[in-house]
C-alpha cells in the first residue's frame, strides 16, 4: 500500500452550496469553509468530502462522454519522498500544480489525483 484515501474532491460552481447539499443529504456537517470560499470540507461518519470552487464548470451530463463525471481523489501518504516514486512506477505521471502539502498526478488513463501529506 502506498497511501490511504484522504478525501473525494468535487468541483462545483459554488463550493459551499454543493457542500451544504451533501452535508444535509448524508447527515454530515460543513467542517471547513463558508460561503464564498474556494475550498469547503464536509465531515462525519468517518468520511470526508471536499468541494473545490470551479466557476466555469461544465456540468456533467451522464452518460454523455462529451460531458463526463468530474472529481478527483486525494490520497494521504506518510512520506511523499517514498510514495511518489512508487506511484510513478505504477503508471502515474506528474501534472502541473501542487502546493506545500500536495502534488498532482494523472492515473494511467489521465484522471487526476493528488498525493497529500501533513506538511506541518
Protein backbone atom coordinates (compact mmCIF):
# COMPACT_ATOMS: atom_id res chain seq x y z
CA UNK A 1 0.00 0.00 0.00
CA UNK A 2 1.27 3.45 -0.92
CA UNK A 3 -1.34 5.57 0.89
CA UNK A 4 -4.88 5.88 2.23
CA UNK A 5 -7.85 7.72 0.77
CA UNK A 6 -7.95 11.19 2.33
CA UNK A 7 -10.94 12.76 0.57
CA UNK A 8 -13.00 12.77 -2.59
CA UNK A 9 -12.91 16.24 -4.14
CA UNK A 10 -15.80 17.50 -6.25
CA UNK A 11 -15.65 20.61 -8.45
CA UNK A 12 -18.61 22.97 -8.17
CA UNK A 13 -19.55 26.44 -9.40
CA UNK A 14 -20.46 27.23 -5.76
CA UNK A 15 -18.39 25.01 -3.46
CA UNK A 16 -20.23 25.98 -0.28
CA UNK A 17 -23.72 25.43 -1.72
CA UNK A 18 -22.86 21.96 -3.01
CA UNK A 19 -21.08 21.08 0.25
CA UNK A 20 -24.16 22.08 2.20
CA UNK A 21 -26.33 19.91 -0.06
CA UNK A 22 -24.15 16.84 0.57
CA UNK A 23 -23.85 17.58 4.30
CA UNK A 24 -27.62 17.62 4.56
CA UNK A 25 -28.09 14.62 2.27
CA UNK A 26 -25.59 12.46 4.15
CA UNK A 27 -26.13 13.65 7.73
CA UNK A 28 -22.66 15.21 7.84
CA UNK A 29 -21.51 18.75 8.65
CA UNK A 30 -19.55 21.50 6.96
CA UNK A 31 -16.33 21.45 9.00
CA UNK A 32 -14.19 23.86 6.98
CA UNK A 33 -15.22 26.75 4.78
CA UNK A 34 -18.01 29.27 4.45
CA UNK A 35 -19.97 30.94 1.64
CA UNK A 36 -17.62 32.33 -1.00
CA UNK A 37 -14.66 30.08 -0.06
CA UNK A 38 -12.80 28.21 -2.81
CA UNK A 39 -12.41 25.06 -0.65
CA UNK A 40 -15.06 23.58 1.62
CA UNK A 41 -14.88 20.31 3.60
CA UNK A 42 -17.73 18.14 4.85
CA UNK A 43 -17.04 15.50 7.52
CA UNK A 44 -18.90 12.92 9.54
CA UNK A 45 -19.35 9.21 9.98
CA UNK A 46 -15.60 8.74 9.47
CA UNK A 47 -15.66 10.21 5.95
CA UNK A 48 -14.55 13.44 4.31
CA UNK A 49 -15.75 15.12 1.12
CA UNK A 50 -14.14 18.29 -0.20
CA UNK A 51 -15.62 20.78 -2.65
CA UNK A 52 -13.45 22.96 -4.86
CA UNK A 53 -14.62 26.19 -6.49
CA UNK A 54 -14.80 25.82 -10.29
CA UNK A 55 -16.74 28.81 -11.63
CA UNK A 56 -16.53 27.70 -15.28
CA UNK A 57 -17.50 24.10 -14.60
CA UNK A 58 -19.15 22.30 -17.48
CA UNK A 59 -21.90 20.38 -15.71
CA UNK A 60 -21.71 16.61 -16.26
CA UNK A 61 -24.42 15.13 -18.48
CA UNK A 62 -24.28 11.42 -17.68
CA UNK A 63 -23.79 9.28 -19.71
CA UNK A 64 -22.73 11.72 -22.46
CA UNK A 65 -18.96 11.20 -22.94
CA UNK A 66 -18.61 14.82 -24.07
CA UNK A 67 -19.52 15.91 -20.51
CA UNK A 68 -18.37 13.11 -18.18
CA UNK A 69 -18.34 12.84 -14.39
CA UNK A 70 -15.85 15.16 -12.71
CA UNK A 71 -13.94 14.56 -9.48
CA UNK A 72 -10.50 13.56 -8.22
CA UNK A 73 -9.10 11.57 -5.31
CA UNK A 74 -6.79 12.86 -2.59
CA UNK A 75 -4.60 10.06 -1.25
CA UNK A 76 -2.93 10.65 2.13
CA UNK A 77 0.67 9.46 2.36
CA UNK A 78 3.08 9.38 5.29
CA UNK A 79 6.17 10.30 3.25
CA UNK A 80 5.92 11.92 -0.18
CA UNK A 81 9.56 11.03 -0.89
CA UNK A 82 8.70 7.34 -0.64
CA UNK A 83 5.20 7.48 -2.09
CA UNK A 84 5.86 9.46 -5.27
CA UNK A 85 8.31 7.04 -6.92
CA UNK A 86 6.01 4.13 -6.10
CA UNK A 87 3.02 5.89 -7.66
CA UNK A 88 5.05 6.75 -10.76
CA UNK A 89 6.20 3.13 -11.01
CA UNK A 90 2.56 2.05 -11.06
CA UNK A 91 1.94 4.22 -14.11
CA UNK A 92 1.05 7.63 -12.66
CA UNK A 93 2.51 10.75 -14.24
CA UNK A 94 3.05 14.16 -12.74
CA UNK A 95 0.76 17.04 -13.67
CA UNK A 96 1.25 20.77 -13.16
CA UNK A 97 0.07 22.23 -9.89
CA UNK A 98 0.50 21.34 -6.29
CA UNK A 99 1.28 23.14 -3.10
CA UNK A 100 3.00 22.85 0.25
CA UNK A 101 1.22 19.64 1.21
CA UNK A 102 0.05 18.08 -2.06
CA UNK A 103 1.22 17.11 -5.53
CA UNK A 104 -0.92 16.45 -8.59
CA UNK A 105 -0.72 13.36 -10.81
CA UNK A 106 -2.69 11.59 -13.53
CA UNK A 107 -3.61 7.93 -13.35
CA UNK A 108 -2.71 5.73 -16.36
CA UNK A 109 -5.78 6.90 -18.31
CA UNK A 110 -5.48 10.58 -17.38
CA UNK A 111 -7.78 11.03 -14.36
CA UNK A 112 -6.18 13.47 -11.90
CA UNK A 113 -5.45 12.62 -8.26
CA UNK A 114 -3.33 14.16 -5.53
CA UNK A 115 -0.89 12.74 -3.02
CA UNK A 116 -1.35 14.73 0.20
CA UNK A 117 0.61 14.75 3.45
CA UNK A 118 0.86 16.67 6.68
CA UNK A 119 3.40 19.37 5.88
CA UNK A 120 3.49 20.86 9.39
